[in-house]
Amino acid sequence: METFDTNKIEELLPRYCSGEATIEECRIVEEWIRQSDDNYRIVKQMYAIDQVAGTVRMESKVDTEKALAFVNRKMTKARSQVIWFTWLQRVAAILFIPLLIAFAIQNFAPSRTEIAQMIEIKTNPDMTTTVDLPDGSKVYLNSESSLTYPSFFSGDKRNVQLKGEAFFEVRKDPEHHFIVSAPDHTQIEVLGTSFNVEAFEKDSFISTTLVEGKVCFAYQKNQKTTSVVMNPGQKLMYNTTSSRVSLIETSGEAETAWKDGKIVFQATPLPEALRMLEKRFNVTIVLSNDRLRTEAFNGSFTNQRLERILEIFKISSNIKWRYLDTQDTTNERTRIEIY
C-alpha cells in the first residue's frame, strides 16, 4: 500500500475539491481516497463545503450557524481526524466573514432613498373620474382636467398640481399641509377640508369654493405673494389678468353639483351658465347678444339633453339659439350661438 505525506494531502485536497488540481495531483488524491472509508468521507465533506463556499460567493445565502454546527459534530465523532476537521473549521470561519459583512450591509447600512414617481390623471371631454390619493384623500376630477401627484407623499407637505376643475375631500393631517398648485402661480393650502377648484388654463379666472374646513388661497400680486383665508360658504374668484380677488357667499351646491352628474343654476348669470353647459356637453357657445348677459337662471338638470335645457332658456328668457356651421375642421366641438 502506498504511503502518503499527510501535509502533501492536506495541501492538495482544497485544490482537488475546487477543480484546480493537475492530473497528477488528482491521481494522488484519488489513490489516497481509495485507502479507507474515512478518507472518502473527509473528501466528501470538504467537497460539500467547497460547493457551499461557491454559493456564498454567488448569492451570500449560506446558513453559517448550520455550517459551523455541522463541522463541530464531525469533529466530536472523529477526534482522530483532528487535522482535517481543524481545516474544515477554518473554512467555515472563512465563510462566516463574508456572511457577517453581507448581514451588516443588508440590515445596518443606510437604505437607498426611494424616489416618488409622478402620476398624472387626465379626463377626456364628457368624462369625470375619482382619484384616491396616497394619503387617503379623494379627488373628483371634472372633464378636460388633469391632476398630477406623487406615488407617495414625503416631507411636511402634500403637494398636487391641478389644471381644470376638481373637488377635493382632503384627509386631515395637521402635521402635513395639503397644497393644490394651479395655473398662474396660485396655490390653495389646507389642513383637512372639502372644496372645489376651477382652474382651466384657457380661462381668465381661477375660483375656489369652500364647503367645509378652512383654506388659504395664495396668489402673486406685484411680484409678491398675497393670501386670502376662506371660510365655509365662500367662493373666491381670482382674475388672472388683473390679479384682483373677490369673495362671494354661496351654498356651494351649484359649484359642486357636477361631481354628482348634475347641473344646478342658482341665480346664475347667463355667461356662467353657458360656460357650465360647455364643460358638461363639450360644445362651444357664442353669446352674441350683450343684452342677455344680465339674465340669471334657476334650475336643476340631471339627464336632460342640451337641446332641452336651451329650450327651457328660450321659454323663460326669450332667448334664441341655433347651431353654427364651421369651416374649421380642426375644431371638433359643436358651435352654438345664443342671440
C-alpha atoms as a PDB file:
ATOM      1  CA  MET A   1       0.000   0.000   0.000  1.00  0.00           C
ATOM      2  CA  GLU A   2       1.362   3.394  -0.946  1.00  0.00           C
ATOM      3  CA  THR A   3       2.290   5.712   1.916  1.00  0.00           C
ATOM      4  CA  PHE A   4       1.159   9.319   1.625  1.00  0.00           C
ATOM      5  CA  ASP A   5       2.575  12.512   3.079  1.00  0.00           C
ATOM      6  CA  THR A   6      -0.155  13.974   5.295  1.00  0.00           C
ATOM      7  CA  ASN A   7       0.984  17.544   4.736  1.00  0.00           C
ATOM      8  CA  LYS A   8       1.001  16.971   0.987  1.00  0.00           C
ATOM      9  CA  ILE A   9      -2.545  15.573   1.053  1.00  0.00           C
ATOM     10  CA  GLU A  10      -3.742  18.498   3.180  1.00  0.00           C
ATOM     11  CA  GLU A  11      -2.313  20.862   0.568  1.00  0.00           C
ATOM     12  CA  LEU A  12      -3.872  19.029  -2.390  1.00  0.00           C
ATOM     13  CA  LEU A  13      -7.367  18.428  -1.019  1.00  0.00           C
ATOM     14  CA  PRO A  14      -8.657  22.035  -1.322  1.00  0.00           C
ATOM     15  CA  ARG A  15      -7.412  22.248  -4.902  1.00  0.00           C
ATOM     16  CA  TYR A  16      -8.892  18.873  -5.733  1.00  0.00           C
ATOM     17  CA  CYS A  17     -12.332  19.818  -4.359  1.00  0.00           C
ATOM     18  CA  SER A  18     -12.358  23.168  -6.196  1.00  0.00           C
ATOM     19  CA  GLY A  19     -11.285  21.557  -9.508  1.00  0.00           C
ATOM     20  CA  GLU A  20      -7.924  23.333  -9.656  1.00  0.00           C
ATOM     21  CA  ALA A  21      -5.649  20.273  -9.187  1.00  0.00           C
ATOM     22  CA  THR A  22      -3.496  18.907 -12.017  1.00  0.00           C
ATOM     23  CA  ILE A  23      -3.973  15.417 -13.445  1.00  0.00           C
ATOM     24  CA  GLU A  24      -1.101  14.050 -11.361  1.00  0.00           C
ATOM     25  CA  GLU A  25      -2.411  15.713  -8.198  1.00  0.00           C
ATOM     26  CA  CYS A  26      -5.868  14.285  -8.859  1.00  0.00           C
ATOM     27  CA  ARG A  27      -4.340  10.800  -9.210  1.00  0.00           C
ATOM     28  CA  ILE A  28      -2.568  11.121  -5.843  1.00  0.00           C
ATOM     29  CA  VAL A  29      -5.701  12.274  -4.038  1.00  0.00           C
ATOM     30  CA  GLU A  30      -7.912   9.627  -5.596  1.00  0.00           C
ATOM     31  CA  GLU A  31      -5.419   6.914  -4.637  1.00  0.00           C
ATOM     32  CA  TRP A  32      -5.438   8.248  -1.079  1.00  0.00           C
ATOM     33  CA  ILE A  33      -9.265   8.247  -1.055  1.00  0.00           C
ATOM     34  CA  ARG A  34      -9.375   4.594  -2.014  1.00  0.00           C
ATOM     35  CA  GLN A  35      -7.278   3.612   1.014  1.00  0.00           C
ATOM     36  CA  SER A  36     -10.137   3.993   3.547  1.00  0.00           C
ATOM     37  CA  ASP A  37     -13.746   4.930   4.028  1.00  0.00           C
ATOM     38  CA  ASP A  38     -12.662   7.674   6.441  1.00  0.00           C
ATOM     39  CA  ASN A  39     -10.622   9.291   3.689  1.00  0.00           C
ATOM     40  CA  TYR A  40     -13.607   9.131   1.347  1.00  0.00           C
ATOM     41  CA  ARG A  41     -15.908  10.760   3.927  1.00  0.00           C
ATOM     42  CA  ILE A  42     -13.409  13.540   4.582  1.00  0.00           C
ATOM     43  CA  VAL A  43     -13.121  14.388   0.903  1.00  0.00           C
ATOM     44  CA  LYS A  44     -16.891  14.232   0.510  1.00  0.00           C
ATOM     45  CA  GLN A  45     -17.339  16.661   3.386  1.00  0.00           C
ATOM     46  CA  MET A  46     -14.677  19.001   2.045  1.00  0.00           C
ATOM     47  CA  TYR A  47     -16.231  18.922  -1.395  1.00  0.00           C
ATOM     48  CA  ALA A  48     -19.624  19.780   0.053  1.00  0.00           C
ATOM     49  CA  ILE A  49     -18.180  22.733   1.947  1.00  0.00           C
ATOM     50  CA  ASP A  50     -16.339  23.915  -1.169  1.00  0.00           C
ATOM     51  CA  GLN A  51     -19.692  23.903  -3.004  1.00  0.00           C
ATOM     52  CA  VAL A  52     -21.224  25.911  -0.175  1.00  0.00           C
ATOM     53  CA  ALA A  53     -18.359  28.388  -0.361  1.00  0.00           C
ATOM     54  CA  GLY A  54     -19.053  28.857  -4.065  1.00  0.00           C
ATOM     55  CA  THR A  55     -22.705  29.500  -3.336  1.00  0.00           C
ATOM     56  CA  VAL A  56     -21.772  32.128  -0.754  1.00  0.00           C
ATOM     57  CA  ARG A  57     -19.654  33.944  -3.287  1.00  0.00           C
ATOM     58  CA  MET A  58     -22.531  33.951  -5.764  1.00  0.00           C
ATOM     59  CA  GLU A  59     -25.570  34.551  -3.586  1.00  0.00           C
ATOM     60  CA  SER A  60     -24.485  35.122   0.057  1.00  0.00           C
ATOM     61  CA  LYS A  61     -27.239  32.830   1.285  1.00  0.00           C
ATOM     62  CA  VAL A  62     -25.342  30.255   3.374  1.00  0.00           C
ATOM     63  CA  ASP A  63     -26.612  29.454   6.869  1.00  0.00           C
ATOM     64  CA  THR A  64     -23.341  29.900   8.771  1.00  0.00           C
ATOM     65  CA  GLU A  65     -24.604  28.546  12.069  1.00  0.00           C
ATOM     66  CA  LYS A  66     -25.595  25.267  10.449  1.00  0.00           C
ATOM     67  CA  ALA A  67     -22.228  25.002   8.727  1.00  0.00           C
ATOM     68  CA  LEU A  68     -20.403  25.520  11.987  1.00  0.00           C
ATOM     69  CA  ALA A  69     -22.627  23.064  13.853  1.00  0.00           C
ATOM     70  CA  PHE A  70     -22.069  20.527  11.100  1.00  0.00           C
ATOM     71  CA  VAL A  71     -18.291  20.850  11.398  1.00  0.00           C
ATOM     72  CA  ASN A  72     -18.374  20.633  15.193  1.00  0.00           C
ATOM     73  CA  ARG A  73     -20.461  17.453  15.118  1.00  0.00           C
ATOM     74  CA  LYS A  74     -17.992  15.837  12.779  1.00  0.00           C
ATOM     75  CA  MET A  75     -15.098  16.865  14.990  1.00  0.00           C
ATOM     76  CA  THR A  76     -16.790  15.230  18.010  1.00  0.00           C
ATOM     77  CA  LYS A  77     -17.305  11.955  16.170  1.00  0.00           C
ATOM     78  CA  ALA A  78     -13.792  11.675  14.829  1.00  0.00           C
ATOM     79  CA  ARG A  79     -11.215  13.055  17.226  1.00  0.00           C
ATOM     80  CA  SER A  80      -8.546  11.083  15.428  1.00  0.00           C
ATOM     81  CA  GLN A  81      -9.017  13.231  12.371  1.00  0.00           C
ATOM     82  CA  VAL A  82      -8.260  16.492  14.178  1.00  0.00           C
ATOM     83  CA  ILE A  83      -6.082  17.892  11.458  1.00  0.00           C
ATOM     84  CA  TRP A  84      -8.840  17.543   8.815  1.00  0.00           C
ATOM     85  CA  PHE A  85     -11.614  18.892  10.934  1.00  0.00           C
ATOM     86  CA  THR A  86      -9.415  21.750  12.033  1.00  0.00           C
ATOM     87  CA  TRP A  87      -9.099  22.581   8.357  1.00  0.00           C
ATOM     88  CA  LEU A  88     -12.846  22.300   7.926  1.00  0.00           C
ATOM     89  CA  GLN A  89     -13.408  24.635  10.850  1.00  0.00           C
ATOM     90  CA  ARG A  90     -11.082  27.207   9.305  1.00  0.00           C
ATOM     91  CA  VAL A  91     -13.098  27.010   6.091  1.00  0.00           C
ATOM     92  CA  ALA A  92     -16.335  27.556   7.997  1.00  0.00           C
ATOM     93  CA  ALA A  93     -14.787  30.526   9.800  1.00  0.00           C
ATOM     94  CA  ILE A  94     -13.732  31.984   6.456  1.00  0.00           C
ATOM     95  CA  LEU A  95     -17.292  31.558   5.191  1.00  0.00           C
ATOM     96  CA  PHE A  96     -18.618  33.358   8.263  1.00  0.00           C
ATOM     97  CA  ILE A  97     -16.722  36.571   7.475  1.00  0.00           C
ATOM     98  CA  PRO A  98     -18.455  37.427   4.152  1.00  0.00           C
ATOM     99  CA  LEU A  99     -21.771  36.355   5.636  1.00  0.00           C
ATOM    100  CA  LEU A 100     -21.283  38.727   8.550  1.00  0.00           C
ATOM    101  CA  ILE A 101     -20.390  41.556   6.179  1.00  0.00           C
ATOM    102  CA  ALA A 102     -23.405  40.840   3.959  1.00  0.00           C
ATOM    103  CA  PHE A 103     -25.701  40.735   7.002  1.00  0.00           C
ATOM    104  CA  ALA A 104     -24.345  44.055   8.277  1.00  0.00           C
ATOM    105  CA  ILE A 105     -24.743  45.723   4.902  1.00  0.00           C
ATOM    106  CA  GLN A 106     -28.280  44.454   4.498  1.00  0.00           C
ATOM    107  CA  ASN A 107     -29.500  45.325   7.992  1.00  0.00           C
ATOM    108  CA  PHE A 108     -27.458  48.293   9.164  1.00  0.00           C
ATOM    109  CA  ALA A 109     -26.323  50.216   6.107  1.00  0.00           C
ATOM    110  CA  PRO A 110     -28.496  53.232   5.180  1.00  0.00           C
ATOM    111  CA  SER A 111     -31.124  52.124   2.668  1.00  0.00           C
ATOM    112  CA  ARG A 112     -31.324  53.793  -0.714  1.00  0.00           C
ATOM    113  CA  THR A 113     -33.865  56.597  -0.640  1.00  0.00           C
ATOM    114  CA  GLU A 114     -36.921  55.698  -2.684  1.00  0.00           C
ATOM    115  CA  ILE A 115     -37.932  58.308  -5.226  1.00  0.00           C
ATOM    116  CA  ALA A 116     -41.630  59.004  -5.656  1.00  0.00           C
ATOM    117  CA  GLN A 117     -42.975  58.574  -9.170  1.00  0.00           C
ATOM    118  CA  MET A 118     -45.212  61.342 -10.519  1.00  0.00           C
ATOM    119  CA  ILE A 119     -48.652  60.192 -11.648  1.00  0.00           C
ATOM    120  CA  GLU A 120     -50.867  62.196 -13.993  1.00  0.00           C
ATOM    121  CA  ILE A 121     -54.589  61.551 -14.411  1.00  0.00           C
ATOM    122  CA  LYS A 122     -56.374  63.197 -17.341  1.00  0.00           C
ATOM    123  CA  THR A 123     -60.045  63.234 -18.277  1.00  0.00           C
ATOM    124  CA  ASN A 124     -61.488  63.490 -21.751  1.00  0.00           C
ATOM    125  CA  PRO A 125     -64.443  65.710 -22.691  1.00  0.00           C
ATOM    126  CA  ASP A 126     -67.743  64.489 -21.191  1.00  0.00           C
ATOM    127  CA  MET A 127     -65.783  62.359 -18.709  1.00  0.00           C
ATOM    128  CA  THR A 128     -65.353  62.627 -14.952  1.00  0.00           C
ATOM    129  CA  THR A 129     -63.406  60.353 -12.625  1.00  0.00           C
ATOM    130  CA  THR A 130     -62.401  59.910  -8.995  1.00  0.00           C
ATOM    131  CA  VAL A 131     -58.835  59.598  -7.746  1.00  0.00           C
ATOM    132  CA  ASP A 132     -57.723  58.123  -4.415  1.00  0.00           C
ATOM    133  CA  LEU A 133     -54.518  59.822  -3.299  1.00  0.00           C
ATOM    134  CA  PRO A 134     -51.758  58.005  -1.333  1.00  0.00           C
ATOM    135  CA  ASP A 135     -52.751  59.735   1.935  1.00  0.00           C
ATOM    136  CA  GLY A 136     -56.402  58.622   1.722  1.00  0.00           C
ATOM    137  CA  SER A 137     -57.729  61.895   0.287  1.00  0.00           C
ATOM    138  CA  LYS A 138     -60.258  61.673  -2.561  1.00  0.00           C
ATOM    139  CA  VAL A 139     -60.409  63.867  -5.657  1.00  0.00           C
ATOM    140  CA  TYR A 140     -63.299  64.160  -8.128  1.00  0.00           C
ATOM    141  CA  LEU A 141     -61.871  65.270 -11.473  1.00  0.00           C
ATOM    142  CA  ASN A 142     -64.115  67.083 -13.953  1.00  0.00           C
ATOM    143  CA  SER A 143     -63.921  66.751 -17.747  1.00  0.00           C
ATOM    144  CA  GLU A 144     -60.888  68.045 -19.679  1.00  0.00           C
ATOM    145  CA  SER A 145     -58.872  68.288 -16.464  1.00  0.00           C
ATOM    146  CA  SER A 146     -55.604  66.843 -15.225  1.00  0.00           C
ATOM    147  CA  LEU A 147     -54.269  66.034 -11.764  1.00  0.00           C
ATOM    148  CA  THR A 148     -50.601  65.308 -11.042  1.00  0.00           C
ATOM    149  CA  TYR A 149     -49.472  63.811  -7.736  1.00  0.00           C
ATOM    150  CA  PRO A 150     -46.618  61.631  -6.372  1.00  0.00           C
ATOM    151  CA  SER A 151     -46.900  57.896  -5.755  1.00  0.00           C
ATOM    152  CA  PHE A 152     -46.316  58.694  -2.075  1.00  0.00           C
ATOM    153  CA  PHE A 153     -46.102  61.913  -0.084  1.00  0.00           C
ATOM    154  CA  SER A 154     -42.844  62.777   1.699  1.00  0.00           C
ATOM    155  CA  GLY A 155     -41.697  65.726   3.763  1.00  0.00           C
ATOM    156  CA  ASP A 156     -44.030  68.016   5.665  1.00  0.00           C
ATOM    157  CA  LYS A 157     -46.344  68.885   2.755  1.00  0.00           C
ATOM    158  CA  ARG A 158     -48.656  67.012   0.426  1.00  0.00           C
ATOM    159  CA  ASN A 159     -48.413  68.675  -2.996  1.00  0.00           C
ATOM    160  CA  VAL A 160     -50.595  68.076  -6.052  1.00  0.00           C
ATOM    161  CA  GLN A 161     -50.988  70.018  -9.309  1.00  0.00           C
ATOM    162  CA  LEU A 162     -54.342  70.757 -10.940  1.00  0.00           C
ATOM    163  CA  LYS A 163     -55.253  72.010 -14.386  1.00  0.00           C
ATOM    164  CA  GLY A 164     -59.003  72.152 -14.849  1.00  0.00           C
ATOM    165  CA  GLU A 165     -61.640  71.519 -12.222  1.00  0.00           C
ATOM    166  CA  ALA A 166     -61.705  69.187  -9.236  1.00  0.00           C
ATOM    167  CA  PHE A 167     -63.482  68.679  -5.939  1.00  0.00           C
ATOM    168  CA  PHE A 168     -61.200  67.687  -3.056  1.00  0.00           C
ATOM    169  CA  GLU A 169     -62.018  65.732   0.084  1.00  0.00           C
ATOM    170  CA  VAL A 170     -58.755  66.051   1.996  1.00  0.00           C
ATOM    171  CA  ARG A 171     -57.864  63.722   4.856  1.00  0.00           C
ATOM    172  CA  LYS A 172     -56.969  65.727   7.943  1.00  0.00           C
ATOM    173  CA  ASP A 173     -53.298  65.702   8.893  1.00  0.00           C
ATOM    174  CA  PRO A 174     -52.251  68.843  10.828  1.00  0.00           C
ATOM    175  CA  GLU A 175     -48.557  67.977  10.508  1.00  0.00           C
ATOM    176  CA  HIS A 176     -48.671  67.696   6.710  1.00  0.00           C
ATOM    177  CA  HIS A 177     -50.447  70.542   4.946  1.00  0.00           C
ATOM    178  CA  PHE A 178     -52.205  69.736   1.666  1.00  0.00           C
ATOM    179  CA  ILE A 179     -51.362  72.110  -1.187  1.00  0.00           C
ATOM    180  CA  VAL A 180     -53.047  72.370  -4.592  1.00  0.00           C
ATOM    181  CA  SER A 181     -50.912  74.188  -7.159  1.00  0.00           C
ATOM    182  CA  ALA A 182     -52.908  75.745 -10.014  1.00  0.00           C
ATOM    183  CA  PRO A 183     -52.021  77.824 -13.099  1.00  0.00           C
ATOM    184  CA  ASP A 184     -50.789  81.434 -12.831  1.00  0.00           C
ATOM    185  CA  HIS A 185     -48.732  80.762  -9.694  1.00  0.00           C
ATOM    186  CA  THR A 186     -51.749  80.176  -7.471  1.00  0.00           C
ATOM    187  CA  GLN A 187     -51.989  77.754  -4.546  1.00  0.00           C
ATOM    188  CA  ILE A 188     -54.666  76.519  -2.184  1.00  0.00           C
ATOM    189  CA  GLU A 189     -53.327  75.294   1.160  1.00  0.00           C
ATOM    190  CA  VAL A 190     -55.474  73.267   3.560  1.00  0.00           C
ATOM    191  CA  LEU A 191     -55.266  71.005   6.593  1.00  0.00           C
ATOM    192  CA  GLY A 192     -58.352  68.872   6.021  1.00  0.00           C
ATOM    193  CA  THR A 193     -61.451  70.055   4.245  1.00  0.00           C
ATOM    194  CA  SER A 194     -63.807  69.831   1.259  1.00  0.00           C
ATOM    195  CA  PHE A 195     -63.531  72.379  -1.515  1.00  0.00           C
ATOM    196  CA  ASN A 196     -63.889  72.880  -5.254  1.00  0.00           C
ATOM    197  CA  VAL A 197     -61.231  74.386  -7.518  1.00  0.00           C
ATOM    198  CA  GLU A 198     -61.789  75.576 -11.074  1.00  0.00           C
ATOM    199  CA  ALA A 199     -58.529  76.464 -12.797  1.00  0.00           C
ATOM    200  CA  PHE A 200     -58.605  75.967 -16.562  1.00  0.00           C
ATOM    201  CA  GLU A 201     -55.583  77.437 -18.327  1.00  0.00           C
ATOM    202  CA  LYS A 202     -57.769  78.852 -21.104  1.00  0.00           C
ATOM    203  CA  ASP A 203     -59.915  80.859 -18.660  1.00  0.00           C
ATOM    204  CA  SER A 204     -59.039  84.275 -17.264  1.00  0.00           C
ATOM    205  CA  PHE A 205     -60.060  83.360 -13.725  1.00  0.00           C
ATOM    206  CA  ILE A 206     -59.494  80.766 -11.027  1.00  0.00           C
ATOM    207  CA  SER A 207     -62.173  80.021  -8.465  1.00  0.00           C
ATOM    208  CA  THR A 208     -62.255  78.165  -5.161  1.00  0.00           C
ATOM    209  CA  THR A 209     -65.460  77.219  -3.374  1.00  0.00           C
ATOM    210  CA  LEU A 210     -65.091  76.118   0.247  1.00  0.00           C
ATOM    211  CA  VAL A 211     -67.674  73.649   1.532  1.00  0.00           C
ATOM    212  CA  GLU A 212     -66.097  72.592   4.825  1.00  0.00           C
ATOM    213  CA  GLY A 213     -62.998  73.476   6.838  1.00  0.00           C
ATOM    214  CA  LYS A 214     -60.628  76.336   6.072  1.00  0.00           C
ATOM    215  CA  VAL A 215     -58.290  77.088   3.177  1.00  0.00           C
ATOM    216  CA  CYS A 216     -55.744  79.742   2.313  1.00  0.00           C
ATOM    217  CA  PHE A 217     -55.721  80.949  -1.297  1.00  0.00           C
ATOM    218  CA  ALA A 218     -52.318  82.353  -2.312  1.00  0.00           C
ATOM    219  CA  TYR A 219     -51.569  84.318  -5.490  1.00  0.00           C
ATOM    220  CA  GLN A 220     -48.990  86.688  -6.958  1.00  0.00           C
ATOM    221  CA  LYS A 221     -49.628  90.435  -6.967  1.00  0.00           C
ATOM    222  CA  ASN A 222     -46.946  92.977  -7.871  1.00  0.00           C
ATOM    223  CA  GLN A 223     -44.390  90.133  -7.682  1.00  0.00           C
ATOM    224  CA  LYS A 224     -45.347  89.473  -4.067  1.00  0.00           C
ATOM    225  CA  THR A 225     -47.266  86.559  -2.617  1.00  0.00           C
ATOM    226  CA  THR A 226     -50.645  87.560  -1.219  1.00  0.00           C
ATOM    227  CA  SER A 227     -53.065  85.231   0.544  1.00  0.00           C
ATOM    228  CA  VAL A 228     -56.725  85.161   1.495  1.00  0.00           C
ATOM    229  CA  VAL A 229     -58.139  82.905   4.203  1.00  0.00           C
ATOM    230  CA  MET A 230     -61.545  81.475   3.277  1.00  0.00           C
ATOM    231  CA  ASN A 231     -64.395  80.241   5.452  1.00  0.00           C
ATOM    232  CA  PRO A 232     -67.099  77.683   4.576  1.00  0.00           C
ATOM    233  CA  GLY A 233     -69.823  79.030   2.317  1.00  0.00           C
ATOM    234  CA  GLN A 234     -67.471  81.325   0.413  1.00  0.00           C
ATOM    235  CA  LYS A 235     -66.443  81.316  -3.227  1.00  0.00           C
ATOM    236  CA  LEU A 236     -63.255  83.130  -4.212  1.00  0.00           C
ATOM    237  CA  MET A 237     -62.864  84.480  -7.753  1.00  0.00           C
ATOM    238  CA  TYR A 238     -59.342  85.407  -8.850  1.00  0.00           C
ATOM    239  CA  ASN A 239     -58.872  87.360 -12.086  1.00  0.00           C
ATOM    240  CA  THR A 240     -55.591  86.158 -13.593  1.00  0.00           C
ATOM    241  CA  THR A 241     -55.297  89.303 -15.753  1.00  0.00           C
ATOM    242  CA  SER A 242     -55.811  91.982 -13.113  1.00  0.00           C
ATOM    243  CA  SER A 243     -54.801  89.892 -10.056  1.00  0.00           C
ATOM    244  CA  ARG A 244     -57.997  91.009  -8.350  1.00  0.00           C
ATOM    245  CA  VAL A 245     -59.816  88.828  -5.852  1.00  0.00           C
ATOM    246  CA  SER A 246     -63.464  88.827  -4.836  1.00  0.00           C
ATOM    247  CA  LEU A 247     -65.377  86.734  -2.291  1.00  0.00           C
ATOM    248  CA  ILE A 248     -68.963  85.611  -2.845  1.00  0.00           C
ATOM    249  CA  GLU A 249     -71.327  83.941  -0.396  1.00  0.00           C
ATOM    250  CA  THR A 250     -72.636  80.624  -1.754  1.00  0.00           C
ATOM    251  CA  SER A 251     -74.112  77.332  -0.619  1.00  0.00           C
ATOM    252  CA  GLY A 252     -71.661  75.546  -2.900  1.00  0.00           C
ATOM    253  CA  GLU A 253     -74.402  73.416  -4.468  1.00  0.00           C
ATOM    254  CA  ALA A 254     -74.139  74.957  -7.919  1.00  0.00           C
ATOM    255  CA  GLU A 255     -70.336  74.802  -7.943  1.00  0.00           C
ATOM    256  CA  THR A 256     -70.070  71.156  -6.850  1.00  0.00           C
ATOM    257  CA  ALA A 257     -73.140  69.565  -8.481  1.00  0.00           C
ATOM    258  CA  TRP A 258     -71.060  68.400 -11.457  1.00  0.00           C
ATOM    259  CA  LYS A 259     -69.389  65.642  -9.417  1.00  0.00           C
ATOM    260  CA  ASP A 260     -72.822  64.062  -8.937  1.00  0.00           C
ATOM    261  CA  GLY A 261     -73.683  64.353 -12.625  1.00  0.00           C
ATOM    262  CA  LYS A 262     -75.939  67.368 -12.154  1.00  0.00           C
ATOM    263  CA  ILE A 263     -76.150  70.953 -13.367  1.00  0.00           C
ATOM    264  CA  VAL A 264     -77.551  73.395 -10.807  1.00  0.00           C
ATOM    265  CA  PHE A 265     -78.306  77.053 -11.500  1.00  0.00           C
ATOM    266  CA  GLN A 266     -78.938  79.352  -8.515  1.00  0.00           C
ATOM    267  CA  ALA A 267     -79.464  82.858  -9.823  1.00  0.00           C
ATOM    268  CA  THR A 268     -76.606  82.033 -12.158  1.00  0.00           C
ATOM    269  CA  PRO A 269     -75.740  84.727 -14.732  1.00  0.00           C
ATOM    270  CA  LEU A 270     -76.195  83.556 -18.320  1.00  0.00           C
ATOM    271  CA  PRO A 271     -72.463  83.743 -19.267  1.00  0.00           C
ATOM    272  CA  GLU A 272     -71.554  81.493 -16.337  1.00  0.00           C
ATOM    273  CA  ALA A 273     -74.488  79.165 -17.047  1.00  0.00           C
ATOM    274  CA  LEU A 274     -73.365  78.793 -20.660  1.00  0.00           C
ATOM    275  CA  ARG A 275     -69.805  78.043 -19.551  1.00  0.00           C
ATOM    276  CA  MET A 276     -71.157  75.282 -17.296  1.00  0.00           C
ATOM    277  CA  LEU A 277     -73.038  73.842 -20.263  1.00  0.00           C
ATOM    278  CA  GLU A 278     -69.879  73.998 -22.399  1.00  0.00           C
ATOM    279  CA  LYS A 279     -67.999  71.860 -19.881  1.00  0.00           C
ATOM    280  CA  ARG A 280     -70.839  69.390 -19.459  1.00  0.00           C
ATOM    281  CA  PHE A 281     -71.642  68.829 -23.140  1.00  0.00           C
ATOM    282  CA  ASN A 282     -68.262  69.590 -24.764  1.00  0.00           C
ATOM    283  CA  VAL A 283     -69.585  72.358 -27.009  1.00  0.00           C
ATOM    284  CA  THR A 284     -68.656  75.970 -27.739  1.00  0.00           C
ATOM    285  CA  ILE A 285     -71.410  78.506 -27.082  1.00  0.00           C
ATOM    286  CA  VAL A 286     -71.188  82.004 -28.532  1.00  0.00           C
ATOM    287  CA  LEU A 287     -73.225  84.712 -26.797  1.00  0.00           C
ATOM    288  CA  SER A 288     -73.784  87.364 -29.462  1.00  0.00           C
ATOM    289  CA  ASN A 289     -76.487  89.410 -27.708  1.00  0.00           C
ATOM    290  CA  ASP A 290     -74.933  91.529 -24.939  1.00  0.00           C
ATOM    291  CA  ARG A 291     -78.366  92.349 -23.553  1.00  0.00           C
ATOM    292  CA  LEU A 292     -78.677  88.760 -22.366  1.00  0.00           C
ATOM    293  CA  ARG A 293     -75.551  88.938 -20.191  1.00  0.00           C
ATOM    294  CA  THR A 294     -77.578  90.248 -17.267  1.00  0.00           C
ATOM    295  CA  GLU A 295     -80.056  87.383 -17.389  1.00  0.00           C
ATOM    296  CA  ALA A 296     -79.882  84.883 -14.484  1.00  0.00           C
ATOM    297  CA  PHE A 297     -81.284  81.387 -14.222  1.00  0.00           C
ATOM    298  CA  ASN A 298     -82.511  78.934 -11.589  1.00  0.00           C
ATOM    299  CA  GLY A 299     -82.976  75.246 -12.106  1.00  0.00           C
ATOM    300  CA  SER A 300     -81.558  71.767 -11.693  1.00  0.00           C
ATOM    301  CA  PHE A 301     -80.805  69.334 -14.526  1.00  0.00           C
ATOM    302  CA  THR A 302     -79.581  65.749 -14.426  1.00  0.00           C
ATOM    303  CA  ASN A 303     -80.270  63.691 -17.528  1.00  0.00           C
ATOM    304  CA  GLN A 304     -81.714  66.357 -19.838  1.00  0.00           C
ATOM    305  CA  ARG A 305     -80.161  66.828 -23.265  1.00  0.00           C
ATOM    306  CA  LEU A 306     -78.514  70.142 -24.140  1.00  0.00           C
ATOM    307  CA  GLU A 307     -81.269  70.999 -26.602  1.00  0.00           C
ATOM    308  CA  ARG A 308     -83.896  70.559 -23.861  1.00  0.00           C
ATOM    309  CA  ILE A 309     -82.022  72.889 -21.497  1.00  0.00           C
ATOM    310  CA  LEU A 310     -81.616  75.530 -24.207  1.00  0.00           C
ATOM    311  CA  GLU A 311     -85.346  75.304 -24.980  1.00  0.00           C
ATOM    312  CA  ILE A 312     -86.087  75.989 -21.305  1.00  0.00           C
ATOM    313  CA  PHE A 313     -83.815  79.027 -21.510  1.00  0.00           C
ATOM    314  CA  LYS A 314     -85.693  80.129 -24.612  1.00  0.00           C
ATOM    315  CA  ILE A 315     -89.058  79.890 -22.910  1.00  0.00           C
ATOM    316  CA  SER A 316     -88.029  81.530 -19.644  1.00  0.00           C
ATOM    317  CA  SER A 317     -85.939  84.404 -21.024  1.00  0.00           C
ATOM    318  CA  ASN A 318     -86.975  84.798 -24.620  1.00  0.00           C
ATOM    319  CA  ILE A 319     -83.566  83.913 -25.947  1.00  0.00           C
ATOM    320  CA  LYS A 320     -82.898  82.266 -29.281  1.00  0.00           C
ATOM    321  CA  TRP A 321     -80.294  79.669 -30.160  1.00  0.00           C
ATOM    322  CA  ARG A 322     -79.018  77.855 -33.223  1.00  0.00           C
ATOM    323  CA  TYR A 323     -76.195  75.569 -34.360  1.00  0.00           C
ATOM    324  CA  LEU A 324     -73.415  77.258 -36.282  1.00  0.00           C
ATOM    325  CA  ASP A 325     -71.748  75.794 -39.322  1.00  0.00           C
ATOM    326  CA  THR A 326     -67.971  75.976 -39.230  1.00  0.00           C
ATOM    327  CA  GLN A 327     -65.303  75.524 -41.856  1.00  0.00           C
ATOM    328  CA  ASP A 328     -62.658  74.848 -39.213  1.00  0.00           C
ATOM    329  CA  THR A 329     -62.241  71.069 -39.352  1.00  0.00           C
ATOM    330  CA  THR A 330     -59.574  71.165 -36.639  1.00  0.00           C
ATOM    331  CA  ASN A 331     -62.191  72.187 -34.071  1.00  0.00           C
ATOM    332  CA  GLU A 332     -64.210  69.100 -33.213  1.00  0.00           C
ATOM    333  CA  ARG A 333     -66.571  70.935 -30.904  1.00  0.00           C
ATOM    334  CA  THR A 334     -70.084  71.770 -31.993  1.00  0.00           C
ATOM    335  CA  ARG A 335     -70.687  75.540 -32.033  1.00  0.00           C
ATOM    336  CA  ILE A 336     -73.935  77.064 -30.809  1.00  0.00           C
ATOM    337  CA  GLU A 337     -74.979  80.716 -30.946  1.00  0.00           C
ATOM    338  CA  ILE A 338     -77.176  82.375 -28.338  1.00  0.00           C
ATOM    339  CA  TYR A 339     -78.790  85.546 -29.713  1.00  0.00           C
END
